[in-house]
Amino acid sequence: MRTLAYLIPGTLLLGGLGLSGFLWALKSGQYEDLDGAAERILVDQEDKPER
């Protein structure tokens, strides 16, 4: 029973941190262009010289 007194607030705290991180990512536009990074890796960049 004493263990639950530590685990429940800890779980709520970690859940709140995860939720606040997700909401921050939404507000900062992290999920705006989901296909851009996937397509960017397929495009060759001519600017970088090969060694």
C-alpha atoms as a PDB file:
ATOM      1  CA  MET A   1       0.000   0.000   0.000  1.00  0.00           C
ATOM      2  CA  ARG A   2       2.849   2.338   0.774  1.00  0.00           C
ATOM      3  CA  THR A   3       4.358   1.618  -2.625  1.00  0.00           C
ATOM      4  CA  LEU A   4       1.218   2.864  -4.366  1.00  0.00           C
ATOM      5  CA  ALA A   5       1.614   6.177  -2.568  1.00  0.00           C
ATOM      6  CA  TYR A   6       4.860   6.650  -4.533  1.00  0.00           C
ATOM      7  CA  LEU A   7       3.908   4.999  -7.799  1.00  0.00           C
ATOM      8  CA  ILE A   8       0.614   6.790  -8.489  1.00  0.00           C
ATOM      9  CA  PRO A   9       1.965  10.369  -8.189  1.00  0.00           C
ATOM     10  CA  GLY A  10       5.082   9.359 -10.129  1.00  0.00           C
ATOM     11  CA  THR A  11       2.964   7.912 -12.901  1.00  0.00           C
ATOM     12  CA  LEU A  12       0.779  11.006 -13.020  1.00  0.00           C
ATOM     13  CA  LEU A  13       3.861  13.213 -13.154  1.00  0.00           C
ATOM     14  CA  LEU A  14       5.429  11.252 -16.019  1.00  0.00           C
ATOM     15  CA  GLY A  15       2.129  11.180 -17.893  1.00  0.00           C
ATOM     16  CA  GLY A  16       1.790  14.942 -17.481  1.00  0.00           C
ATOM     17  CA  LEU A  17       5.337  15.460 -18.768  1.00  0.00           C
ATOM     18  CA  GLY A  18       4.612  13.285 -21.792  1.00  0.00           C
ATOM     19  CA  LEU A  19       1.377  15.125 -22.508  1.00  0.00           C
ATOM     20  CA  SER A  20       3.029  18.527 -22.166  1.00  0.00           C
ATOM     21  CA  GLY A  21       5.840  17.432 -24.500  1.00  0.00           C
ATOM     22  CA  PHE A  22       3.318  16.262 -27.078  1.00  0.00           C
ATOM     23  CA  LEU A  23       1.351  19.506 -26.852  1.00  0.00           C
ATOM     24  CA  TRP A  24       4.571  21.510 -27.196  1.00  0.00           C
ATOM     25  CA  ALA A  25       5.446  19.536 -30.339  1.00  0.00           C
ATOM     26  CA  LEU A  26       2.011  20.267 -31.791  1.00  0.00           C
ATOM     27  CA  LYS A  27       2.298  23.990 -31.089  1.00  0.00           C
ATOM     28  CA  SER A  28       5.817  24.257 -32.502  1.00  0.00           C
ATOM     29  CA  GLY A  29       4.821  22.638 -35.799  1.00  0.00           C
ATOM     30  CA  GLN A  30       6.708  19.353 -35.518  1.00  0.00           C
ATOM     31  CA  TYR A  31       3.903  17.460 -37.242  1.00  0.00           C
ATOM     32  CA  GLU A  32       3.262  19.908 -40.082  1.00  0.00           C
ATOM     33  CA  ASP A  33       5.284  18.207 -42.844  1.00  0.00           C
ATOM     34  CA  LEU A  34       5.331  14.455 -42.270  1.00  0.00           C
ATOM     35  CA  ASP A  35       6.256  13.511 -45.842  1.00  0.00           C
ATOM     36  CA  GLY A  36       9.018  16.084 -46.276  1.00  0.00           C
ATOM     37  CA  ALA A  37      11.710  14.218 -44.373  1.00  0.00           C
ATOM     38  CA  ALA A  38      10.803  10.925 -46.013  1.00  0.00           C
ATOM     39  CA  GLU A  39      11.117  12.434 -49.484  1.00  0.00           C
ATOM     40  CA  ARG A  40      14.191  14.526 -48.638  1.00  0.00           C
ATOM     41  CA  ILE A  41      16.295  11.429 -48.040  1.00  0.00           C
ATOM     42  CA  LEU A  42      15.608  10.201 -51.570  1.00  0.00           C
ATOM     43  CA  VAL A  43      16.750  13.398 -53.301  1.00  0.00           C
ATOM     44  CA  ASP A  44      20.410  13.611 -54.317  1.00  0.00           C
ATOM     45  CA  GLN A  45      22.140  16.795 -53.295  1.00  0.00           C
ATOM     46  CA  GLU A  46      24.509  18.085 -55.966  1.00  0.00           C
ATOM     47  CA  ASP A  47      25.976  20.754 -53.665  1.00  0.00           C
ATOM     48  CA  LYS A  48      28.242  18.466 -51.645  1.00  0.00           C
ATOM     49  CA  PRO A  49      31.477  17.396 -53.328  1.00  0.00           C
ATOM     50  CA  GLU A  50      32.331  13.695 -53.187  1.00  0.00           C
ATOM     51  CA  ARG A  51      35.701  12.644 -51.806  1.00  0.00           C
END
